[in-house]
Amino acid sequence: MGARPLYLCAGTQSSGSTLISWCFLQRPDMDGVLDARFDMLPKMPRIAAPLAWCKFTIACFRMSEVMEYFAAEGWEPRPLLVVRDVRSVFNSLITKTYGRNGTTADDPPIRLRLSRFLEDWELFQARGWPVLRYEDLAEDALGALKKSCEQLGLPYDEAMNTWPKAREQIADAGYGNETFMSTRGGTFAQTIDPSLFKIKTGNIPPEDLEWLETRFEAMNRALNYPAHVPPKAPAEPARAIPKFENTRRHERYQRKRRLSNSIGKVSDAIRGLWPRK
């Protein structure tokens, strides 16, 4: 028996990939994972629908690595990459609670996350795999969806636009992107916000902006993104420096330390109640 196809979608954090995932999971013939945790390999739930879907964000794992993982689990990955101008991604991600510019494996530096994404984009280019440019939604949202369906060998379904399913009807929708879940409208057309497609640099330190435009020069050229966007951020800090203090691991360490100190104070207080012999 052959491997079961798995439509596997990925993009950077803050790339709009959760919106695309929501559209595909509205199809009556498809079910799966809306937005897998970025710091864990995705786990597929049991799916009764004919078609299986999973979306994750490229941060701790590359698309190539997740594809290899699912292939070993008996799936046949059929990949789709959502791309967005990385300057917009960085500008958004640096302000998000999940965009921790850290130094650990589960909260890696933002530059490293984006470099992993670039490697995946280069792989997609070499293999001719389908890529959905997020900015194309501003010009022809339904046309971009229909093109992705065609590239994946799927017929377009109007439910991708009308969104008849509730969140509870999706097998695994427990870890949806915070921004999308709080701003989505009733339909695809009602959710598209033209302001989200503008390239903003107000939160990008100047050295990071220079790195983005140099490191992603070939991708920007291939995807018709501008080679240069004027800086809007202050000159200082010059770069967003990754720090251990930005990570969840540091937060857990601090909580453990505070708990240990509290327990120690309580123990001292209890000992103080007993007279010394």
C-alpha atoms as a PDB file:
ATOM      1  CA  MET A   1       0.000   0.000   0.000  1.00  0.00           C
ATOM      2  CA  GLY A   2       1.389   3.414  -0.984  1.00  0.00           C
ATOM      3  CA  ALA A   3       2.058   6.291   1.371  1.00  0.00           C
ATOM      4  CA  ARG A   4      -0.877   8.586   2.105  1.00  0.00           C
ATOM      5  CA  PRO A   5      -0.467  12.081   0.642  1.00  0.00           C
ATOM      6  CA  LEU A   6       0.032  14.901   3.134  1.00  0.00           C
ATOM      7  CA  TYR A   7      -0.336  18.473   1.939  1.00  0.00           C
ATOM      8  CA  LEU A   8       2.413  20.175   3.927  1.00  0.00           C
ATOM      9  CA  CYS A   9       2.451  23.968   4.090  1.00  0.00           C
ATOM     10  CA  ALA A  10       5.100  26.166   5.707  1.00  0.00           C
ATOM     11  CA  GLY A  11       6.294  29.740   5.901  1.00  0.00           C
ATOM     12  CA  THR A  12       8.143  31.968   8.294  1.00  0.00           C
ATOM     13  CA  GLN A  13       6.412  33.231  11.401  1.00  0.00           C
ATOM     14  CA  SER A  14       4.382  36.375  10.598  1.00  0.00           C
ATOM     15  CA  SER A  15       4.213  35.342   6.937  1.00  0.00           C
ATOM     16  CA  GLY A  16       0.449  34.942   6.603  1.00  0.00           C
ATOM     17  CA  SER A  17       0.724  31.159   6.390  1.00  0.00           C
ATOM     18  CA  THR A  18      -1.961  30.599   9.051  1.00  0.00           C
ATOM     19  CA  LEU A  19      -4.447  32.457   6.840  1.00  0.00           C
ATOM     20  CA  ILE A  20      -3.617  30.140   3.946  1.00  0.00           C
ATOM     21  CA  SER A  21      -3.868  27.106   6.213  1.00  0.00           C
ATOM     22  CA  TRP A  22      -7.307  28.191   7.417  1.00  0.00           C
ATOM     23  CA  CYS A  23      -8.496  28.520   3.808  1.00  0.00           C
ATOM     24  CA  PHE A  24      -7.379  25.013   2.860  1.00  0.00           C
ATOM     25  CA  LEU A  25      -8.828  23.463   6.014  1.00  0.00           C
ATOM     26  CA  GLN A  26     -12.240  24.940   5.165  1.00  0.00           C
ATOM     27  CA  ARG A  27     -12.478  22.451   2.298  1.00  0.00           C
ATOM     28  CA  PRO A  28     -14.984  19.644   3.042  1.00  0.00           C
ATOM     29  CA  ASP A  29     -12.513  17.067   1.688  1.00  0.00           C
ATOM     30  CA  MET A  30      -9.587  18.202   3.876  1.00  0.00           C
ATOM     31  CA  ASP A  31      -8.689  18.175   7.571  1.00  0.00           C
ATOM     32  CA  GLY A  32      -5.575  18.297   9.717  1.00  0.00           C
ATOM     33  CA  VAL A  33      -3.354  20.750  11.598  1.00  0.00           C
ATOM     34  CA  LEU A  34      -4.026  24.476  11.374  1.00  0.00           C
ATOM     35  CA  ASP A  35      -0.739  25.670  12.844  1.00  0.00           C
ATOM     36  CA  ALA A  36       1.715  23.273  14.491  1.00  0.00           C
ATOM     37  CA  ARG A  37       4.048  24.469  17.232  1.00  0.00           C
ATOM     38  CA  PHE A  38       7.231  25.823  15.699  1.00  0.00           C
ATOM     39  CA  ASP A  39       9.508  24.249  18.314  1.00  0.00           C
ATOM     40  CA  MET A  40       8.232  20.671  17.946  1.00  0.00           C
ATOM     41  CA  LEU A  41       7.875  18.279  15.036  1.00  0.00           C
ATOM     42  CA  PRO A  42       4.189  18.233  14.028  1.00  0.00           C
ATOM     43  CA  LYS A  43       1.979  15.357  15.151  1.00  0.00           C
ATOM     44  CA  MET A  44      -0.850  14.406  12.858  1.00  0.00           C
ATOM     45  CA  PRO A  45      -4.247  13.717  14.447  1.00  0.00           C
ATOM     46  CA  ARG A  46      -6.609  11.028  13.183  1.00  0.00           C
ATOM     47  CA  ILE A  47      -8.336  12.358  10.090  1.00  0.00           C
ATOM     48  CA  ALA A  48     -11.558  11.052   8.574  1.00  0.00           C
ATOM     49  CA  ALA A  49     -11.515  13.443   5.599  1.00  0.00           C
ATOM     50  CA  PRO A  50     -10.024  12.133   2.335  1.00  0.00           C
ATOM     51  CA  LEU A  51      -7.197  14.700   2.296  1.00  0.00           C
ATOM     52  CA  ALA A  52      -4.666  15.401   5.068  1.00  0.00           C
ATOM     53  CA  TRP A  53      -3.161  18.858   5.695  1.00  0.00           C
ATOM     54  CA  CYS A  54      -0.498  20.200   8.054  1.00  0.00           C
ATOM     55  CA  LYS A  55       0.942  23.689   8.385  1.00  0.00           C
ATOM     56  CA  PHE A  56       3.939  24.714  10.485  1.00  0.00           C
ATOM     57  CA  THR A  57       6.291  27.677  10.664  1.00  0.00           C
ATOM     58  CA  ILE A  58       9.961  27.519   9.746  1.00  0.00           C
ATOM     59  CA  ALA A  59      11.965  28.493  12.818  1.00  0.00           C
ATOM     60  CA  CYS A  60      13.447  25.530  14.667  1.00  0.00           C
ATOM     61  CA  PHE A  61      12.977  23.133  11.742  1.00  0.00           C
ATOM     62  CA  ARG A  62      13.369  23.570   7.998  1.00  0.00           C
ATOM     63  CA  MET A  63      10.711  22.379   5.576  1.00  0.00           C
ATOM     64  CA  SER A  64      13.224  19.853   4.225  1.00  0.00           C
ATOM     65  CA  GLU A  65      13.631  18.356   7.708  1.00  0.00           C
ATOM     66  CA  VAL A  66       9.893  18.143   8.385  1.00  0.00           C
ATOM     67  CA  MET A  67       9.330  16.537   4.985  1.00  0.00           C
ATOM     68  CA  GLU A  68      11.963  13.915   5.785  1.00  0.00           C
ATOM     69  CA  TYR A  69      10.342  13.283   9.166  1.00  0.00           C
ATOM     70  CA  PHE A  70       6.872  12.751   7.683  1.00  0.00           C
ATOM     71  CA  ALA A  71       8.215  10.554   4.910  1.00  0.00           C
ATOM     72  CA  ALA A  72       9.763   8.300   7.571  1.00  0.00           C
ATOM     73  CA  GLU A  73       6.344   8.230   9.299  1.00  0.00           C
ATOM     74  CA  GLY A  74       4.730   6.812   6.162  1.00  0.00           C
ATOM     75  CA  TRP A  75       3.377   9.972   4.549  1.00  0.00           C
ATOM     76  CA  GLU A  76       3.950  11.355   1.063  1.00  0.00           C
ATOM     77  CA  PRO A  77       4.567  15.100   1.635  1.00  0.00           C
ATOM     78  CA  ARG A  78       3.251  17.466  -1.029  1.00  0.00           C
ATOM     79  CA  PRO A  79       4.832  20.809  -0.155  1.00  0.00           C
ATOM     80  CA  LEU A  80       3.604  24.386  -0.423  1.00  0.00           C
ATOM     81  CA  LEU A  81       5.745  27.343   0.687  1.00  0.00           C
ATOM     82  CA  VAL A  82       4.200  30.683   1.689  1.00  0.00           C
ATOM     83  CA  VAL A  83       6.640  33.551   1.182  1.00  0.00           C
ATOM     84  CA  ARG A  84       6.510  37.144   2.363  1.00  0.00           C
ATOM     85  CA  ASP A  85       9.033  39.935   2.068  1.00  0.00           C
ATOM     86  CA  VAL A  86      11.410  39.119   4.931  1.00  0.00           C
ATOM     87  CA  ARG A  87      11.652  42.773   5.913  1.00  0.00           C
ATOM     88  CA  SER A  88       7.930  42.697   6.721  1.00  0.00           C
ATOM     89  CA  VAL A  89       8.468  39.428   8.583  1.00  0.00           C
ATOM     90  CA  PHE A  90      11.335  40.789  10.691  1.00  0.00           C
ATOM     91  CA  ASN A  91       9.510  44.065  11.336  1.00  0.00           C
ATOM     92  CA  SER A  92       6.511  42.152  12.684  1.00  0.00           C
ATOM     93  CA  LEU A  93       8.278  39.277  14.402  1.00  0.00           C
ATOM     94  CA  ILE A  94      10.594  41.430  16.513  1.00  0.00           C
ATOM     95  CA  THR A  95       7.509  42.836  18.294  1.00  0.00           C
ATOM     96  CA  LYS A  96       5.663  39.538  18.864  1.00  0.00           C
ATOM     97  CA  THR A  97       5.710  37.476  22.056  1.00  0.00           C
ATOM     98  CA  TYR A  98       6.579  34.375  19.997  1.00  0.00           C
ATOM     99  CA  GLY A  99       9.293  36.196  18.060  1.00  0.00           C
ATOM    100  CA  ARG A 100      11.865  35.720  20.804  1.00  0.00           C
ATOM    101  CA  ASN A 101      15.283  36.689  19.506  1.00  0.00           C
ATOM    102  CA  GLY A 102      17.015  34.086  21.633  1.00  0.00           C
ATOM    103  CA  THR A 103      20.019  31.797  21.693  1.00  0.00           C
ATOM    104  CA  THR A 104      18.475  28.386  22.375  1.00  0.00           C
ATOM    105  CA  ALA A 105      17.359  25.594  20.064  1.00  0.00           C
ATOM    106  CA  ASP A 106      13.676  26.252  20.845  1.00  0.00           C
ATOM    107  CA  ASP A 107      13.984  30.050  20.602  1.00  0.00           C
ATOM    108  CA  PRO A 108      16.688  30.574  17.954  1.00  0.00           C
ATOM    109  CA  PRO A 109      17.873  33.978  16.701  1.00  0.00           C
ATOM    110  CA  ILE A 110      15.548  35.631  14.201  1.00  0.00           C
ATOM    111  CA  ARG A 111      18.344  35.821  11.632  1.00  0.00           C
ATOM    112  CA  LEU A 112      18.873  32.062  11.929  1.00  0.00           C
ATOM    113  CA  ARG A 113      15.146  31.393  11.495  1.00  0.00           C
ATOM    114  CA  LEU A 114      15.107  33.464   8.325  1.00  0.00           C
ATOM    115  CA  SER A 115      18.270  31.815   7.000  1.00  0.00           C
ATOM    116  CA  ARG A 116      16.592  28.413   7.379  1.00  0.00           C
ATOM    117  CA  PHE A 117      13.632  29.751   5.429  1.00  0.00           C
ATOM    118  CA  LEU A 118      15.970  30.969   2.679  1.00  0.00           C
ATOM    119  CA  GLU A 119      17.463  27.485   2.360  1.00  0.00           C
ATOM    120  CA  ASP A 120      13.964  26.085   1.937  1.00  0.00           C
ATOM    121  CA  TRP A 121      13.067  28.686  -0.679  1.00  0.00           C
ATOM    122  CA  GLU A 122      16.208  27.763  -2.609  1.00  0.00           C
ATOM    123  CA  LEU A 123      15.175  24.090  -2.419  1.00  0.00           C
ATOM    124  CA  PHE A 124      11.709  24.935  -3.743  1.00  0.00           C
ATOM    125  CA  GLN A 125      13.268  26.900  -6.591  1.00  0.00           C
ATOM    126  CA  ALA A 126      15.537  24.003  -7.520  1.00  0.00           C
ATOM    127  CA  ARG A 127      12.709  21.415  -7.374  1.00  0.00           C
ATOM    128  CA  GLY A 128      10.029  23.564  -8.984  1.00  0.00           C
ATOM    129  CA  TRP A 129       7.704  23.123  -6.007  1.00  0.00           C
ATOM    130  CA  PRO A 130       4.737  25.502  -5.553  1.00  0.00           C
ATOM    131  CA  VAL A 131       5.281  28.849  -3.844  1.00  0.00           C
ATOM    132  CA  LEU A 132       2.510  31.246  -2.796  1.00  0.00           C
ATOM    133  CA  ARG A 133       3.610  34.863  -2.535  1.00  0.00           C
ATOM    134  CA  TYR A 134       1.667  36.459   0.331  1.00  0.00           C
ATOM    135  CA  GLU A 135       1.650  39.874  -1.353  1.00  0.00           C
ATOM    136  CA  ASP A 136      -0.228  38.410  -4.341  1.00  0.00           C
ATOM    137  CA  LEU A 137      -3.299  38.194  -2.110  1.00  0.00           C
ATOM    138  CA  ALA A 138      -3.514  42.001  -2.217  1.00  0.00           C
ATOM    139  CA  GLU A 139      -3.954  42.005  -5.996  1.00  0.00           C
ATOM    140  CA  ASP A 140      -5.969  38.834  -6.604  1.00  0.00           C
ATOM    141  CA  ALA A 141      -6.644  36.886  -3.439  1.00  0.00           C
ATOM    142  CA  LEU A 142      -8.874  34.207  -4.954  1.00  0.00           C
ATOM    143  CA  GLY A 143      -6.620  33.938  -7.992  1.00  0.00           C
ATOM    144  CA  ALA A 144      -3.630  33.201  -5.736  1.00  0.00           C
ATOM    145  CA  LEU A 145      -5.585  30.490  -3.899  1.00  0.00           C
ATOM    146  CA  LYS A 146      -6.783  28.919  -7.139  1.00  0.00           C
ATOM    147  CA  LYS A 147      -3.239  28.900  -8.522  1.00  0.00           C
ATOM    148  CA  SER A 148      -1.945  27.115  -5.418  1.00  0.00           C
ATOM    149  CA  CYS A 149      -4.702  24.513  -5.742  1.00  0.00           C
ATOM    150  CA  GLU A 150      -3.756  23.953  -9.359  1.00  0.00           C
ATOM    151  CA  GLN A 151      -0.075  23.573  -8.479  1.00  0.00           C
ATOM    152  CA  LEU A 152      -0.978  21.039  -5.787  1.00  0.00           C
ATOM    153  CA  GLY A 153      -3.194  19.100  -8.172  1.00  0.00           C
ATOM    154  CA  LEU A 154      -6.383  20.009  -6.286  1.00  0.00           C
ATOM    155  CA  PRO A 155      -9.644  21.470  -7.607  1.00  0.00           C
ATOM    156  CA  TYR A 156     -10.540  24.826  -6.114  1.00  0.00           C
ATOM    157  CA  ASP A 157     -13.400  24.704  -3.600  1.00  0.00           C
ATOM    158  CA  GLU A 158     -15.515  27.774  -2.839  1.00  0.00           C
ATOM    159  CA  ALA A 159     -15.413  26.900   0.866  1.00  0.00           C
ATOM    160  CA  MET A 160     -11.836  28.210   0.840  1.00  0.00           C
ATOM    161  CA  ASN A 161     -13.374  31.656   0.413  1.00  0.00           C
ATOM    162  CA  THR A 162     -16.645  31.402   2.367  1.00  0.00           C
ATOM    163  CA  TRP A 163     -15.243  29.626   5.452  1.00  0.00           C
ATOM    164  CA  PRO A 164     -18.210  27.467   6.554  1.00  0.00           C
ATOM    165  CA  LYS A 165     -16.277  25.467   9.187  1.00  0.00           C
ATOM    166  CA  ALA A 166     -16.004  26.539  12.811  1.00  0.00           C
ATOM    167  CA  ARG A 167     -12.669  26.173  14.541  1.00  0.00           C
ATOM    168  CA  GLU A 168     -14.025  23.195  16.489  1.00  0.00           C
ATOM    169  CA  GLN A 169     -14.617  21.316  13.228  1.00  0.00           C
ATOM    170  CA  ILE A 170     -10.892  21.227  12.450  1.00  0.00           C
ATOM    171  CA  ALA A 171      -9.022  18.205  13.797  1.00  0.00           C
ATOM    172  CA  ASP A 172      -6.211  20.253  15.348  1.00  0.00           C
ATOM    173  CA  ALA A 173      -6.757  24.002  15.574  1.00  0.00           C
ATOM    174  CA  GLY A 174      -5.496  24.411  19.107  1.00  0.00           C
ATOM    175  CA  TYR A 175      -2.331  26.325  18.304  1.00  0.00           C
ATOM    176  CA  GLY A 176      -3.432  28.981  15.832  1.00  0.00           C
ATOM    177  CA  ASN A 177      -1.462  32.163  15.261  1.00  0.00           C
ATOM    178  CA  GLU A 178      -2.516  34.767  17.850  1.00  0.00           C
ATOM    179  CA  THR A 179      -2.763  37.651  15.383  1.00  0.00           C
ATOM    180  CA  PHE A 180      -4.798  35.725  12.822  1.00  0.00           C
ATOM    181  CA  MET A 181      -7.208  34.248  15.349  1.00  0.00           C
ATOM    182  CA  SER A 182      -7.947  37.696  16.806  1.00  0.00           C
ATOM    183  CA  THR A 183      -8.320  39.567  13.497  1.00  0.00           C
ATOM    184  CA  ARG A 184      -9.933  37.100  11.084  1.00  0.00           C
ATOM    185  CA  GLY A 185     -13.273  38.037   9.609  1.00  0.00           C
ATOM    186  CA  GLY A 186     -16.178  35.839   8.582  1.00  0.00           C
ATOM    187  CA  THR A 187     -14.826  35.117   5.114  1.00  0.00           C
ATOM    188  CA  PHE A 188     -11.535  35.216   3.224  1.00  0.00           C
ATOM    189  CA  ALA A 189     -12.464  38.476   1.474  1.00  0.00           C
ATOM    190  CA  GLN A 190     -13.469  40.107   4.767  1.00  0.00           C
ATOM    191  CA  THR A 191     -10.131  39.188   6.353  1.00  0.00           C
ATOM    192  CA  ILE A 192      -7.779  40.551   3.696  1.00  0.00           C
ATOM    193  CA  ASP A 193      -6.319  43.802   5.060  1.00  0.00           C
ATOM    194  CA  PRO A 194      -4.481  45.879   2.414  1.00  0.00           C
ATOM    195  CA  SER A 195      -2.324  47.570   5.084  1.00  0.00           C
ATOM    196  CA  LEU A 196      -0.679  44.205   5.882  1.00  0.00           C
ATOM    197  CA  PHE A 197       0.894  44.004   2.440  1.00  0.00           C
ATOM    198  CA  LYS A 198       2.985  47.160   2.790  1.00  0.00           C
ATOM    199  CA  ILE A 199       6.683  46.712   3.543  1.00  0.00           C
ATOM    200  CA  LYS A 200       7.430  48.358   6.883  1.00  0.00           C
ATOM    201  CA  THR A 201      10.862  48.871   8.445  1.00  0.00           C
ATOM    202  CA  GLY A 202      10.060  50.924  11.553  1.00  0.00           C
ATOM    203  CA  ASN A 203      11.097  48.108  13.893  1.00  0.00           C
ATOM    204  CA  ILE A 204      14.188  46.913  12.004  1.00  0.00           C
ATOM    205  CA  PRO A 205      17.550  48.167  13.331  1.00  0.00           C
ATOM    206  CA  PRO A 206      19.773  49.482  10.489  1.00  0.00           C
ATOM    207  CA  GLU A 207      22.327  46.655  10.549  1.00  0.00           C
ATOM    208  CA  ASP A 208      19.560  44.059  10.445  1.00  0.00           C
ATOM    209  CA  LEU A 209      17.933  45.820   7.502  1.00  0.00           C
ATOM    210  CA  GLU A 210      21.252  45.835   5.648  1.00  0.00           C
ATOM    211  CA  TRP A 211      21.692  42.112   6.405  1.00  0.00           C
ATOM    212  CA  LEU A 212      18.190  41.308   5.155  1.00  0.00           C
ATOM    213  CA  GLU A 213      18.683  43.140   1.884  1.00  0.00           C
ATOM    214  CA  THR A 214      22.083  41.543   1.287  1.00  0.00           C
ATOM    215  CA  ARG A 215      21.296  37.992   2.419  1.00  0.00           C
ATOM    216  CA  PHE A 216      17.994  37.838   0.525  1.00  0.00           C
ATOM    217  CA  GLU A 217      19.054  39.754  -2.581  1.00  0.00           C
ATOM    218  CA  ALA A 218      18.503  36.827  -4.973  1.00  0.00           C
ATOM    219  CA  MET A 219      15.137  35.901  -3.459  1.00  0.00           C
ATOM    220  CA  ASN A 220      13.936  39.512  -3.518  1.00  0.00           C
ATOM    221  CA  ARG A 221      14.909  39.816  -7.152  1.00  0.00           C
ATOM    222  CA  ALA A 222      13.223  36.531  -8.134  1.00  0.00           C
ATOM    223  CA  LEU A 223       9.995  37.436  -6.308  1.00  0.00           C
ATOM    224  CA  ASN A 224       9.899  41.048  -7.531  1.00  0.00           C
ATOM    225  CA  TYR A 225      10.433  42.561  -4.106  1.00  0.00           C
ATOM    226  CA  PRO A 226      12.266  45.911  -4.045  1.00  0.00           C
ATOM    227  CA  ALA A 227      16.024  45.650  -3.618  1.00  0.00           C
ATOM    228  CA  HIS A 228      16.036  48.431  -1.031  1.00  0.00           C
ATOM    229  CA  VAL A 229      13.481  49.960   1.324  1.00  0.00           C
ATOM    230  CA  PRO A 230      14.372  53.129   3.253  1.00  0.00           C
ATOM    231  CA  PRO A 231      15.111  52.577   6.952  1.00  0.00           C
ATOM    232  CA  LYS A 232      12.584  53.961   9.411  1.00  0.00           C
ATOM    233  CA  ALA A 233      13.974  52.729  12.726  1.00  0.00           C
ATOM    234  CA  PRO A 234      16.259  54.781  15.006  1.00  0.00           C
ATOM    235  CA  ALA A 235      20.013  54.408  14.507  1.00  0.00           C
ATOM    236  CA  GLU A 236      20.325  52.786  17.940  1.00  0.00           C
ATOM    237  CA  PRO A 237      20.316  49.978  18.674  1.00  0.00           C
ATOM    238  CA  ALA A 238      22.227  49.162  15.519  1.00  0.00           C
ATOM    239  CA  ARG A 239      21.225  45.481  15.639  1.00  0.00           C
ATOM    240  CA  ALA A 240      18.754  43.266  17.471  1.00  0.00           C
ATOM    241  CA  ILE A 241      21.216  41.119  19.436  1.00  0.00           C
ATOM    242  CA  PRO A 242      20.030  37.594  20.315  1.00  0.00           C
ATOM    243  CA  LYS A 243      19.992  37.064  24.085  1.00  0.00           C
ATOM    244  CA  PHE A 244      19.407  34.134  26.397  1.00  0.00           C
ATOM    245  CA  GLU A 245      17.259  36.487  28.479  1.00  0.00           C
ATOM    246  CA  ASN A 246      14.745  36.556  25.587  1.00  0.00           C
ATOM    247  CA  THR A 247      14.077  32.825  25.753  1.00  0.00           C
ATOM    248  CA  ARG A 248      11.411  30.743  27.444  1.00  0.00           C
ATOM    249  CA  ARG A 249      14.179  28.668  28.984  1.00  0.00           C
ATOM    250  CA  HIS A 250      15.415  31.756  30.812  1.00  0.00           C
ATOM    251  CA  GLU A 251      11.881  32.492  32.006  1.00  0.00           C
ATOM    252  CA  ARG A 252      11.566  28.968  33.391  1.00  0.00           C
ATOM    253  CA  TYR A 253      14.921  29.328  35.109  1.00  0.00           C
ATOM    254  CA  GLN A 254      13.826  32.608  36.682  1.00  0.00           C
ATOM    255  CA  ARG A 255      10.532  31.108  37.881  1.00  0.00           C
ATOM    256  CA  LYS A 256      12.369  28.145  39.392  1.00  0.00           C
ATOM    257  CA  ARG A 257      14.797  30.500  41.094  1.00  0.00           C
ATOM    258  CA  ARG A 258      12.003  32.654  42.527  1.00  0.00           C
ATOM    259  CA  LEU A 259      10.164  29.549  43.741  1.00  0.00           C
ATOM    260  CA  SER A 260      13.330  28.234  45.355  1.00  0.00           C
ATOM    261  CA  ASN A 261      13.901  31.574  47.114  1.00  0.00           C
ATOM    262  CA  SER A 262      10.280  31.639  48.317  1.00  0.00           C
ATOM    263  CA  ILE A 263      10.532  28.129  49.710  1.00  0.00           C
ATOM    264  CA  GLY A 264      13.768  29.065  51.441  1.00  0.00           C
ATOM    265  CA  LYS A 265      12.153  32.093  53.099  1.00  0.00           C
ATOM    266  CA  VAL A 266       9.211  30.002  54.297  1.00  0.00           C
ATOM    267  CA  SER A 267      11.585  27.385  55.706  1.00  0.00           C
ATOM    268  CA  ASP A 268      13.543  30.089  57.530  1.00  0.00           C
ATOM    269  CA  ALA A 269      10.312  31.520  58.944  1.00  0.00           C
ATOM    270  CA  ILE A 270       9.164  28.111  60.187  1.00  0.00           C
ATOM    271  CA  ARG A 271      12.514  27.442  61.831  1.00  0.00           C
ATOM    272  CA  GLY A 272      12.231  30.815  63.523  1.00  0.00           C
ATOM    273  CA  LEU A 273       9.047  29.721  65.288  1.00  0.00           C
ATOM    274  CA  TRP A 274      10.900  27.049  67.255  1.00  0.00           C
ATOM    275  CA  PRO A 275      13.061  28.127  70.163  1.00  0.00           C
ATOM    276  CA  ARG A 276      16.655  27.090  70.040  1.00  0.00           C
ATOM    277  CA  LYS A 277      17.831  24.604  72.624  1.00  0.00           C
END
